Amino acid sequence: MNKKYFPGFWEVIGGNLESGEDFEDSVIREVSEEINCKIKNLEHLHSRVMYLDGLMYITVAYYGELFSEPIFNKEEISEIKWITEDELEKFVFCPGDKELLKLGFEKL
């Protein structure tokens, strides 16, 4: 796997909105592509803007419940791990992802 930005960093599941998709459809598709699961009870968690190489990226984060245990797609991601809130500091995350995870833990 060869990532342009932040290779070797841990990150939350995500991707790009495709033409004609709404945010919820994008979350459902990305979860299916990356960890082969269906997700239900989606709720908006947070939105943010980040700039990289002169481009603006908008993140719209959701949380929900998985129907089954994840089986990760090795072409999409290299490793998957469940962590607790206490373990957040042990990992190097892509910018902003640790903050999203903290917000998610507040919802549990």
PDB file of N, CA and C in Angstrom:
ATOM      1  N   MET A   1       0.848  -1.176   0.000  1.00  0.00           N
ATOM      2  CA  MET A   1       0.000   0.000   0.000  1.00  0.00           C
ATOM      3  C   MET A   1       0.892   1.237   0.000  1.00  0.00           C
ATOM      4  N   ASN A   2       0.627   2.140  -0.907  1.00  0.00           N
ATOM      5  CA  ASN A   2       1.443   3.325  -1.070  1.00  0.00           C
ATOM      6  C   ASN A   2       0.565   4.566  -0.925  1.00  0.00           C
ATOM      7  N   LYS A   3       0.602   5.179   0.254  1.00  0.00           N
ATOM      8  CA  LYS A   3      -0.236   6.342   0.524  1.00  0.00           C
ATOM      9  C   LYS A   3       0.522   7.631   0.249  1.00  0.00           C
ATOM     10  N   LYS A   4      -0.161   8.593  -0.350  1.00  0.00           N
ATOM     11  CA  LYS A   4       0.455   9.890  -0.635  1.00  0.00           C
ATOM     12  C   LYS A   4       0.641  10.700   0.652  1.00  0.00           C
ATOM     13  N   TYR A   5      -0.383  10.734   1.476  1.00  0.00           N
ATOM     14  CA  TYR A   5      -0.327  11.524   2.709  1.00  0.00           C
ATOM     15  C   TYR A   5      -0.268  10.603   3.927  1.00  0.00           C
ATOM     16  N   PHE A   6       0.613  10.914   4.831  1.00  0.00           N
ATOM     17  CA  PHE A   6       0.712  10.273   6.135  1.00  0.00           C
ATOM     18  C   PHE A   6       0.880   8.748   6.065  1.00  0.00           C
ATOM     19  N   PRO A   7       1.809   8.253   5.260  1.00  0.00           N
ATOM     20  CA  PRO A   7       2.030   6.800   5.233  1.00  0.00           C
ATOM     21  C   PRO A   7       2.484   6.307   6.600  1.00  0.00           C
ATOM     22  N   GLY A   8       1.991   5.163   6.997  1.00  0.00           N
ATOM     23  CA  GLY A   8       2.360   4.579   8.275  1.00  0.00           C
ATOM     24  C   GLY A   8       1.561   5.096   9.464  1.00  0.00           C
ATOM     25  N   PHE A   9       0.697   6.090   9.247  1.00  0.00           N
ATOM     26  CA  PHE A   9      -0.119   6.632  10.327  1.00  0.00           C
ATOM     27  C   PHE A   9      -1.402   5.798  10.455  1.00  0.00           C
ATOM     28  N   TRP A  10      -1.924   5.744  11.659  1.00  0.00           N
ATOM     29  CA  TRP A  10      -3.227   5.129  11.890  1.00  0.00           C
ATOM     30  C   TRP A  10      -4.295   6.136  11.516  1.00  0.00           C
ATOM     31  N   GLU A  11      -5.439   5.640  11.032  1.00  0.00           N
ATOM     32  CA  GLU A  11      -6.525   6.553  10.681  1.00  0.00           C
ATOM     33  C   GLU A  11      -7.868   5.854  10.813  1.00  0.00           C
ATOM     34  N   VAL A  12      -8.902   6.663  10.872  1.00  0.00           N
ATOM     35  CA  VAL A  12     -10.258   6.124  10.925  1.00  0.00           C
ATOM     36  C   VAL A  12     -10.679   5.728   9.509  1.00  0.00           C
ATOM     37  N   ILE A  13     -11.701   4.902   9.394  1.00  0.00           N
ATOM     38  CA  ILE A  13     -12.222   4.515   8.091  1.00  0.00           C
ATOM     39  C   ILE A  13     -12.733   5.758   7.377  1.00  0.00           C
ATOM     40  N   GLY A  14     -12.445   5.858   6.102  1.00  0.00           N
ATOM     41  CA  GLY A  14     -12.919   7.022   5.376  1.00  0.00           C
ATOM     42  C   GLY A  14     -12.611   6.937   3.902  1.00  0.00           C
ATOM     43  N   GLY A  15     -12.992   7.955   3.207  1.00  0.00           N
ATOM     44  CA  GLY A  15     -12.746   8.010   1.772  1.00  0.00           C
ATOM     45  C   GLY A  15     -13.380   9.249   1.190  1.00  0.00           C
ATOM     46  N   ASN A  16     -13.566   9.219  -0.110  1.00  0.00           N
ATOM     47  CA  ASN A  16     -14.114  10.374  -0.821  1.00  0.00           C
ATOM     48  C   ASN A  16     -15.575  10.164  -1.177  1.00  0.00           C
ATOM     49  N   LEU A  17     -16.300  11.245  -1.137  1.00  0.00           N
ATOM     50  CA  LEU A  17     -17.687  11.248  -1.569  1.00  0.00           C
ATOM     51  C   LEU A  17     -17.715  11.079  -3.086  1.00  0.00           C
ATOM     52  N   GLU A  18     -18.491  10.127  -3.570  1.00  0.00           N
ATOM     53  CA  GLU A  18     -18.604   9.917  -5.008  1.00  0.00           C
ATOM     54  C   GLU A  18     -19.771  10.730  -5.564  1.00  0.00           C
ATOM     55  N   SER A  19     -19.726  10.990  -6.841  1.00  0.00           N
ATOM     56  CA  SER A  19     -20.763  11.781  -7.500  1.00  0.00           C
ATOM     57  C   SER A  19     -22.143  11.184  -7.236  1.00  0.00           C
ATOM     58  N   GLY A  20     -23.061  12.020  -6.781  1.00  0.00           N
ATOM     59  CA  GLY A  20     -24.428  11.584  -6.529  1.00  0.00           C
ATOM     60  C   GLY A  20     -24.667  10.989  -5.150  1.00  0.00           C
ATOM     61  N   GLU A  21     -23.615  10.782  -4.371  1.00  0.00           N
ATOM     62  CA  GLU A  21     -23.772  10.198  -3.032  1.00  0.00           C
ATOM     63  C   GLU A  21     -24.074  11.275  -2.004  1.00  0.00           C
ATOM     64  N   ASP A  22     -24.852  10.914  -0.996  1.00  0.00           N
ATOM     65  CA  ASP A  22     -24.931  11.781   0.171  1.00  0.00           C
ATOM     66  C   ASP A  22     -23.928  11.246   1.194  1.00  0.00           C
ATOM     67  N   PHE A  23     -23.739  11.955   2.293  1.00  0.00           N
ATOM     68  CA  PHE A  23     -22.722  11.574   3.272  1.00  0.00           C
ATOM     69  C   PHE A  23     -22.974  10.185   3.850  1.00  0.00           C
ATOM     70  N   GLU A  24     -24.215   9.895   4.192  1.00  0.00           N
ATOM     71  CA  GLU A  24     -24.530   8.596   4.788  1.00  0.00           C
ATOM     72  C   GLU A  24     -24.247   7.443   3.828  1.00  0.00           C
ATOM     73  N   ASP A  25     -24.605   7.613   2.549  1.00  0.00           N
ATOM     74  CA  ASP A  25     -24.318   6.580   1.551  1.00  0.00           C
ATOM     75  C   ASP A  25     -22.810   6.359   1.409  1.00  0.00           C
ATOM     76  N   SER A  26     -22.053   7.444   1.488  1.00  0.00           N
ATOM     77  CA  SER A  26     -20.598   7.336   1.396  1.00  0.00           C
ATOM     78  C   SER A  26     -20.028   6.544   2.574  1.00  0.00           C
ATOM     79  N   VAL A  27     -20.527   6.810   3.777  1.00  0.00           N
ATOM     80  CA  VAL A  27     -20.078   6.069   4.968  1.00  0.00           C
ATOM     81  C   VAL A  27     -20.392   4.583   4.805  1.00  0.00           C
ATOM     82  N   ILE A  28     -21.592   4.267   4.391  1.00  0.00           N
ATOM     83  CA  ILE A  28     -22.006   2.870   4.210  1.00  0.00           C
ATOM     84  C   ILE A  28     -21.099   2.181   3.193  1.00  0.00           C
ATOM     85  N   ARG A  29     -20.822   2.837   2.076  1.00  0.00           N
ATOM     86  CA  ARG A  29     -19.965   2.261   1.037  1.00  0.00           C
ATOM     87  C   ARG A  29     -18.534   2.073   1.528  1.00  0.00           C
ATOM     88  N   GLU A  30     -17.961   3.093   2.184  1.00  0.00           N
ATOM     89  CA  GLU A  30     -16.578   3.004   2.649  1.00  0.00           C
ATOM     90  C   GLU A  30     -16.409   1.912   3.711  1.00  0.00           C
ATOM     91  N   VAL A  31     -17.349   1.795   4.633  1.00  0.00           N
ATOM     92  CA  VAL A  31     -17.279   0.741   5.649  1.00  0.00           C
ATOM     93  C   VAL A  31     -17.326  -0.631   4.976  1.00  0.00           C
ATOM     94  N   SER A  32     -18.187  -0.763   3.982  1.00  0.00           N
ATOM     95  CA  SER A  32     -18.283  -2.022   3.241  1.00  0.00           C
ATOM     96  C   SER A  32     -16.987  -2.322   2.492  1.00  0.00           C
ATOM     97  N   GLU A  33     -16.424  -1.331   1.813  1.00  0.00           N
ATOM     98  CA  GLU A  33     -15.198  -1.537   1.040  1.00  0.00           C
ATOM     99  C   GLU A  33     -13.994  -1.846   1.924  1.00  0.00           C
ATOM    100  N   GLU A  34     -13.875  -1.144   3.038  1.00  0.00           N
ATOM    101  CA  GLU A  34     -12.663  -1.251   3.843  1.00  0.00           C
ATOM    102  C   GLU A  34     -12.685  -2.382   4.861  1.00  0.00           C
ATOM    103  N   ILE A  35     -13.848  -2.664   5.462  1.00  0.00           N
ATOM    104  CA  ILE A  35     -13.874  -3.718   6.486  1.00  0.00           C
ATOM    105  C   ILE A  35     -14.992  -4.733   6.288  1.00  0.00           C
ATOM    106  N   ASN A  36     -15.615  -4.712   5.108  1.00  0.00           N
ATOM    107  CA  ASN A  36     -16.599  -5.727   4.734  1.00  0.00           C
ATOM    108  C   ASN A  36     -17.738  -5.867   5.750  1.00  0.00           C
ATOM    109  N   CYS A  37     -18.230  -4.747   6.250  1.00  0.00           N
ATOM    110  CA  CYS A  37     -19.332  -4.751   7.221  1.00  0.00           C
ATOM    111  C   CYS A  37     -20.442  -3.821   6.751  1.00  0.00           C
ATOM    112  N   LYS A  38     -21.627  -4.105   7.228  1.00  0.00           N
ATOM    113  CA  LYS A  38     -22.733  -3.172   7.082  1.00  0.00           C
ATOM    114  C   LYS A  38     -22.805  -2.380   8.389  1.00  0.00           C
ATOM    115  N   ILE A  39     -23.246  -1.136   8.280  1.00  0.00           N
ATOM    116  CA  ILE A  39     -23.325  -0.263   9.449  1.00  0.00           C
ATOM    117  C   ILE A  39     -24.747   0.272   9.557  1.00  0.00           C
ATOM    118  N   LYS A  40     -25.217   0.467  10.783  1.00  0.00           N
ATOM    119  CA  LYS A  40     -26.574   0.978  10.997  1.00  0.00           C
ATOM    120  C   LYS A  40     -26.538   2.083  12.049  1.00  0.00           C
ATOM    121  N   ASN A  41     -27.676   2.756  12.202  1.00  0.00           N
ATOM    122  CA  ASN A  41     -27.840   3.816  13.202  1.00  0.00           C
ATOM    123  C   ASN A  41     -26.772   4.897  13.083  1.00  0.00           C
ATOM    124  N   LEU A  42     -26.546   5.372  11.859  1.00  0.00           N
ATOM    125  CA  LEU A  42     -25.550   6.425  11.641  1.00  0.00           C
ATOM    126  C   LEU A  42     -26.003   7.737  12.255  1.00  0.00           C
ATOM    127  N   GLU A  43     -25.064   8.399  12.903  1.00  0.00           N
ATOM    128  CA  GLU A  43     -25.303   9.736  13.446  1.00  0.00           C
ATOM    129  C   GLU A  43     -24.098  10.607  13.152  1.00  0.00           C
ATOM    130  N   HIS A  44     -24.361  11.864  12.805  1.00  0.00           N
ATOM    131  CA  HIS A  44     -23.273  12.814  12.534  1.00  0.00           C
ATOM    132  C   HIS A  44     -22.485  13.032  13.821  1.00  0.00           C
ATOM    133  N   LEU A  45     -21.151  12.988  13.704  1.00  0.00           N
ATOM    134  CA  LEU A  45     -20.277  13.194  14.858  1.00  0.00           C
ATOM    135  C   LEU A  45     -19.654  14.580  14.837  1.00  0.00           C
ATOM    136  N   HIS A  46     -19.073  14.957  13.690  1.00  0.00           N
ATOM    137  CA  HIS A  46     -18.322  16.214  13.634  1.00  0.00           C
ATOM    138  C   HIS A  46     -17.967  16.515  12.182  1.00  0.00           C
ATOM    139  N   SER A  47     -17.739  17.770  11.880  1.00  0.00           N
ATOM    140  CA  SER A  47     -17.238  18.175  10.569  1.00  0.00           C
ATOM    141  C   SER A  47     -16.039  19.085  10.776  1.00  0.00           C
ATOM    142  N   ARG A  48     -15.085  19.014   9.841  1.00  0.00           N
ATOM    143  CA  ARG A  48     -13.885  19.849   9.944  1.00  0.00           C
ATOM    144  C   ARG A  48     -13.334  20.113   8.557  1.00  0.00           C
ATOM    145  N   VAL A  49     -12.471  21.127   8.463  1.00  0.00           N
ATOM    146  CA  VAL A  49     -11.792  21.483   7.218  1.00  0.00           C
ATOM    147  C   VAL A  49     -10.292  21.382   7.462  1.00  0.00           C
ATOM    148  N   MET A  50      -9.573  20.830   6.478  1.00  0.00           N
ATOM    149  CA  MET A  50      -8.117  20.719   6.569  1.00  0.00           C
ATOM    150  C   MET A  50      -7.544  21.096   5.205  1.00  0.00           C
ATOM    151  N   TYR A  51      -6.380  21.733   5.198  1.00  0.00           N
ATOM    152  CA  TYR A  51      -5.718  22.116   3.954  1.00  0.00           C
ATOM    153  C   TYR A  51      -4.425  21.318   3.803  1.00  0.00           C
ATOM    154  N   LEU A  52      -4.227  20.704   2.633  1.00  0.00           N
ATOM    155  CA  LEU A  52      -3.001  19.988   2.292  1.00  0.00           C
ATOM    156  C   LEU A  52      -2.620  20.349   0.868  1.00  0.00           C
ATOM    157  N   ASP A  53      -1.365  20.711   0.670  1.00  0.00           N
ATOM    158  CA  ASP A  53      -0.865  21.044  -0.670  1.00  0.00           C
ATOM    159  C   ASP A  53      -1.766  22.042  -1.388  1.00  0.00           C
ATOM    160  N   GLY A  54      -2.284  23.017  -0.652  1.00  0.00           N
ATOM    161  CA  GLY A  54      -3.110  24.055  -1.261  1.00  0.00           C
ATOM    162  C   GLY A  54      -4.533  23.637  -1.580  1.00  0.00           C
ATOM    163  N   LEU A  55      -4.915  22.422  -1.194  1.00  0.00           N
ATOM    164  CA  LEU A  55      -6.277  21.946  -1.423  1.00  0.00           C
ATOM    165  C   LEU A  55      -7.034  21.871  -0.106  1.00  0.00           C
ATOM    166  N   MET A  56      -8.325  22.142  -0.177  1.00  0.00           N
ATOM    167  CA  MET A  56      -9.171  22.074   1.009  1.00  0.00           C
ATOM    168  C   MET A  56      -9.861  20.713   1.052  1.00  0.00           C
ATOM    169  N   TYR A  57      -9.769  20.035   2.192  1.00  0.00           N
ATOM    170  CA  TYR A  57     -10.446  18.760   2.413  1.00  0.00           C
ATOM    171  C   TYR A  57     -11.462  18.958   3.532  1.00  0.00           C
ATOM    172  N   ILE A  58     -12.685  18.523   3.292  1.00  0.00           N
ATOM    173  CA  ILE A  58     -13.739  18.619   4.294  1.00  0.00           C
ATOM    174  C   ILE A  58     -14.034  17.213   4.791  1.00  0.00           C
ATOM    175  N   THR A  59     -13.949  17.041   6.090  1.00  0.00           N
ATOM    176  CA  THR A  59     -14.274  15.757   6.704  1.00  0.00           C
ATOM    177  C   THR A  59     -15.619  15.876   7.394  1.00  0.00           C
ATOM    178  N   VAL A  60     -16.509  14.964   7.071  1.00  0.00           N
ATOM    179  CA  VAL A  60     -17.798  14.872   7.739  1.00  0.00           C
ATOM    180  C   VAL A  60     -17.816  13.496   8.381  1.00  0.00           C
ATOM    181  N   ALA A  61     -17.688  13.456   9.700  1.00  0.00           N
ATOM    182  CA  ALA A  61     -17.524  12.194  10.425  1.00  0.00           C
ATOM    183  C   ALA A  61     -18.850  11.717  11.013  1.00  0.00           C
ATOM    184  N   TYR A  62     -19.055  10.412  10.935  1.00  0.00           N
ATOM    185  CA  TYR A  62     -20.233   9.749  11.477  1.00  0.00           C
ATOM    186  C   TYR A  62     -19.805   8.615  12.389  1.00  0.00           C
ATOM    187  N   TYR A  63     -20.711   8.194  13.236  1.00  0.00           N
ATOM    188  CA  TYR A  63     -20.507   6.974  14.012  1.00  0.00           C
ATOM    189  C   TYR A  63     -21.772   6.143  13.913  1.00  0.00           C
ATOM    190  N   GLY A  64     -21.631   4.845  14.168  1.00  0.00           N
ATOM    191  CA  GLY A  64     -22.768   3.947  14.073  1.00  0.00           C
ATOM    192  C   GLY A  64     -22.430   2.589  14.650  1.00  0.00           C
ATOM    193  N   GLU A  65     -23.294   1.622  14.394  1.00  0.00           N
ATOM    194  CA  GLU A  65     -23.114   0.256  14.906  1.00  0.00           C
ATOM    195  C   GLU A  65     -22.849  -0.691  13.741  1.00  0.00           C
ATOM    196  N   LEU A  66     -21.854  -1.570  13.909  1.00  0.00           N
ATOM    197  CA  LEU A  66     -21.555  -2.562  12.889  1.00  0.00           C
ATOM    198  C   LEU A  66     -22.440  -3.784  13.072  1.00  0.00           C
ATOM    199  N   PHE A  67     -22.826  -4.400  11.969  1.00  0.00           N
ATOM    200  CA  PHE A  67     -23.652  -5.609  11.988  1.00  0.00           C
ATOM    201  C   PHE A  67     -22.832  -6.854  12.302  1.00  0.00           C
ATOM    202  N   SER A  68     -21.529  -6.835  11.997  1.00  0.00           N
ATOM    203  CA  SER A  68     -20.693  -8.019  12.158  1.00  0.00           C
ATOM    204  C   SER A  68     -19.262  -7.603  12.465  1.00  0.00           C
ATOM    205  N   GLU A  69     -18.426  -8.612  12.752  1.00  0.00           N
ATOM    206  CA  GLU A  69     -17.012  -8.335  12.994  1.00  0.00           C
ATOM    207  C   GLU A  69     -16.341  -7.911  11.687  1.00  0.00           C
ATOM    208  N   PRO A  70     -15.432  -6.942  11.750  1.00  0.00           N
ATOM    209  CA  PRO A  70     -14.762  -6.481  10.533  1.00  0.00           C
ATOM    210  C   PRO A  70     -13.817  -7.526   9.941  1.00  0.00           C
ATOM    211  N   ILE A  71     -13.752  -7.537   8.629  1.00  0.00           N
ATOM    212  CA  ILE A  71     -12.779  -8.312   7.877  1.00  0.00           C
ATOM    213  C   ILE A  71     -12.149  -7.309   6.922  1.00  0.00           C
ATOM    214  N   PHE A  72     -10.916  -6.904   7.196  1.00  0.00           N
ATOM    215  CA  PHE A  72     -10.392  -5.787   6.418  1.00  0.00           C
ATOM    216  C   PHE A  72      -9.926  -6.190   5.032  1.00  0.00           C
ATOM    217  N   ASN A  73     -10.097  -5.260   4.128  1.00  0.00           N
ATOM    218  CA  ASN A  73      -9.708  -5.393   2.731  1.00  0.00           C
ATOM    219  C   ASN A  73      -8.238  -5.002   2.629  1.00  0.00           C
ATOM    220  N   LYS A  74      -7.362  -5.964   2.383  1.00  0.00           N
ATOM    221  CA  LYS A  74      -5.919  -5.723   2.361  1.00  0.00           C
ATOM    222  C   LYS A  74      -5.494  -4.759   1.251  1.00  0.00           C
ATOM    223  N   GLU A  75      -6.348  -4.563   0.253  1.00  0.00           N
ATOM    224  CA  GLU A  75      -6.037  -3.587  -0.789  1.00  0.00           C
ATOM    225  C   GLU A  75      -6.367  -2.168  -0.338  1.00  0.00           C
ATOM    226  N   GLU A  76      -7.229  -2.040   0.656  1.00  0.00           N
ATOM    227  CA  GLU A  76      -7.649  -0.727   1.150  1.00  0.00           C
ATOM    228  C   GLU A  76      -6.866  -0.295   2.394  1.00  0.00           C
ATOM    229  N   ILE A  77      -6.631  -1.239   3.308  1.00  0.00           N
ATOM    230  CA  ILE A  77      -5.953  -0.922   4.568  1.00  0.00           C
ATOM    231  C   ILE A  77      -4.972  -2.033   4.905  1.00  0.00           C
ATOM    232  N   SER A  78      -3.962  -1.706   5.714  1.00  0.00           N
ATOM    233  CA  SER A  78      -2.931  -2.702   6.013  1.00  0.00           C
ATOM    234  C   SER A  78      -3.131  -3.388   7.354  1.00  0.00           C
ATOM    235  N   GLU A  79      -3.901  -2.776   8.252  1.00  0.00           N
ATOM    236  CA  GLU A  79      -4.113  -3.381   9.568  1.00  0.00           C
ATOM    237  C   GLU A  79      -5.352  -2.754  10.203  1.00  0.00           C
ATOM    238  N   ILE A  80      -5.997  -3.526  11.049  1.00  0.00           N
ATOM    239  CA  ILE A  80      -7.175  -3.030  11.768  1.00  0.00           C
ATOM    240  C   ILE A  80      -6.994  -3.373  13.236  1.00  0.00           C
ATOM    241  N   LYS A  81      -7.469  -2.502  14.109  1.00  0.00           N
ATOM    242  CA  LYS A  81      -7.300  -2.733  15.542  1.00  0.00           C
ATOM    243  C   LYS A  81      -8.402  -2.013  16.307  1.00  0.00           C
ATOM    244  N   TRP A  82      -9.015  -2.714  17.253  1.00  0.00           N
ATOM    245  CA  TRP A  82      -9.934  -2.090  18.192  1.00  0.00           C
ATOM    246  C   TRP A  82      -9.090  -1.534  19.333  1.00  0.00           C
ATOM    247  N   ILE A  83      -9.362  -0.301  19.739  1.00  0.00           N
ATOM    248  CA  ILE A  83      -8.627   0.283  20.860  1.00  0.00           C
ATOM    249  C   ILE A  83      -9.603   0.914  21.844  1.00  0.00           C
ATOM    250  N   THR A  84      -9.119   1.123  23.043  1.00  0.00           N
ATOM    251  CA  THR A  84      -9.892   1.831  24.062  1.00  0.00           C
ATOM    252  C   THR A  84      -9.453   3.292  24.083  1.00  0.00           C
ATOM    253  N   GLU A  85     -10.222   4.103  24.746  1.00  0.00           N
ATOM    254  CA  GLU A  85      -9.874   5.519  24.869  1.00  0.00           C
ATOM    255  C   GLU A  85      -8.517   5.690  25.549  1.00  0.00           C
ATOM    256  N   ASP A  86      -8.219   4.840  26.522  1.00  0.00           N
ATOM    257  CA  ASP A  86      -6.945   4.917  27.237  1.00  0.00           C
ATOM    258  C   ASP A  86      -5.743   4.608  26.344  1.00  0.00           C
ATOM    259  N   GLU A  87      -5.963   3.949  25.218  1.00  0.00           N
ATOM    260  CA  GLU A  87      -4.866   3.565  24.322  1.00  0.00           C
ATOM    261  C   GLU A  87      -4.590   4.593  23.216  1.00  0.00           C
ATOM    262  N   LEU A  88      -5.371   5.648  23.127  1.00  0.00           N
ATOM    263  CA  LEU A  88      -5.228   6.618  22.037  1.00  0.00           C
ATOM    264  C   LEU A  88      -3.808   7.175  21.921  1.00  0.00           C
ATOM    265  N   GLU A  89      -3.154   7.412  23.037  1.00  0.00           N
ATOM    266  CA  GLU A  89      -1.822   8.036  23.019  1.00  0.00           C
ATOM    267  C   GLU A  89      -0.735   7.081  22.539  1.00  0.00           C
ATOM    268  N   LYS A  90      -1.023   5.801  22.428  1.00  0.00           N
ATOM    269  CA  LYS A  90      -0.033   4.815  21.981  1.00  0.00           C
ATOM    270  C   LYS A  90       0.133   4.799  20.464  1.00  0.00           C
ATOM    271  N   PHE A  91      -0.735   5.485  19.734  1.00  0.00           N
ATOM    272  CA  PHE A  91      -0.751   5.424  18.274  1.00  0.00           C
ATOM    273  C   PHE A  91      -0.508   6.803  17.669  1.00  0.00           C
ATOM    274  N   VAL A  92       0.103   6.812  16.495  1.00  0.00           N
ATOM    275  CA  VAL A  92       0.305   8.052  15.746  1.00  0.00           C
ATOM    276  C   VAL A  92      -0.773   8.086  14.662  1.00  0.00           C
ATOM    277  N   PHE A  93      -1.711   9.017  14.807  1.00  0.00           N
ATOM    278  CA  PHE A  93      -2.854   9.126  13.907  1.00  0.00           C
ATOM    279  C   PHE A  93      -2.653  10.226  12.872  1.00  0.00           C
ATOM    280  N   CYS A  94      -3.373  10.102  11.766  1.00  0.00           N
ATOM    281  CA  CYS A  94      -3.437  11.196  10.796  1.00  0.00           C
ATOM    282  C   CYS A  94      -3.987  12.433  11.507  1.00  0.00           C
ATOM    283  N   PRO A  95      -3.606  13.626  11.049  1.00  0.00           N
ATOM    284  CA  PRO A  95      -4.077  14.847  11.712  1.00  0.00           C
ATOM    285  C   PRO A  95      -5.593  14.875  11.868  1.00  0.00           C
ATOM    286  N   GLY A  96      -6.034  15.155  13.089  1.00  0.00           N
ATOM    287  CA  GLY A  96      -7.458  15.294  13.384  1.00  0.00           C
ATOM    288  C   GLY A  96      -8.164  14.004  13.756  1.00  0.00           C
ATOM    289  N   ASP A  97      -7.590  12.838  13.419  1.00  0.00           N
ATOM    290  CA  ASP A  97      -8.293  11.586  13.687  1.00  0.00           C
ATOM    291  C   ASP A  97      -8.372  11.261  15.183  1.00  0.00           C
ATOM    292  N   LYS A  98      -7.328  11.575  15.937  1.00  0.00           N
ATOM    293  CA  LYS A  98      -7.378  11.318  17.380  1.00  0.00           C
ATOM    294  C   LYS A  98      -8.507  12.128  18.014  1.00  0.00           C
ATOM    295  N   GLU A  99      -8.676  13.360  17.561  1.00  0.00           N
ATOM    296  CA  GLU A  99      -9.740  14.211  18.091  1.00  0.00           C
ATOM    297  C   GLU A  99     -11.118  13.650  17.730  1.00  0.00           C
ATOM    298  N   LEU A 100     -11.255  13.129  16.510  1.00  0.00           N
ATOM    299  CA  LEU A 100     -12.520  12.492  16.126  1.00  0.00           C
ATOM    300  C   LEU A 100     -12.803  11.275  16.993  1.00  0.00           C
ATOM    301  N   LEU A 101     -11.782  10.482  17.250  1.00  0.00           N
ATOM    302  CA  LEU A 101     -11.968   9.300  18.099  1.00  0.00           C
ATOM    303  C   LEU A 101     -12.357   9.696  19.523  1.00  0.00           C
ATOM    304  N   LYS A 102     -11.756  10.755  20.044  1.00  0.00           N
ATOM    305  CA  LYS A 102     -12.145  11.229  21.378  1.00  0.00           C
ATOM    306  C   LYS A 102     -13.602  11.637  21.411  1.00  0.00           C
ATOM    307  N   LEU A 103     -14.065  12.337  20.376  1.00  0.00           N
ATOM    308  CA  LEU A 103     -15.482  12.707  20.293  1.00  0.00           C
ATOM    309  C   LEU A 103     -16.361  11.462  20.220  1.00  0.00           C
ATOM    310  N   GLY A 104     -15.900  10.465  19.465  1.00  0.00           N
ATOM    311  CA  GLY A 104     -16.639   9.207  19.372  1.00  0.00           C
ATOM    312  C   GLY A 104     -16.739   8.489  20.699  1.00  0.00           C
ATOM    313  N   PHE A 105     -15.639   8.471  21.448  1.00  0.00           N
ATOM    314  CA  PHE A 105     -15.660   7.818  22.764  1.00  0.00           C
ATOM    315  C   PHE A 105     -16.639   8.527  23.712  1.00  0.00           C
ATOM    316  N   GLU A 106     -16.770   9.844  23.567  1.00  0.00           N
ATOM    317  CA  GLU A 106     -17.739  10.581  24.398  1.00  0.00           C
ATOM    318  C   GLU A 106     -19.167  10.120  24.140  1.00  0.00           C
ATOM    319  N   LYS A 107     -19.439   9.621  22.912  1.00  0.00           N
ATOM    320  CA  LYS A 107     -20.785   9.179  22.550  1.00  0.00           C
ATOM    321  C   LYS A 107     -21.109   7.769  23.072  1.00  0.00           C
ATOM    322  N   LEU A 108     -20.084   7.025  23.453  1.00  0.00           N
ATOM    323  CA  LEU A 108     -20.320   5.643  23.928  1.00  0.00           C
ATOM    324  C   LEU A 108     -20.980   5.618  25.291  1.00  0.00           C
TER     325      LEU A 108
END
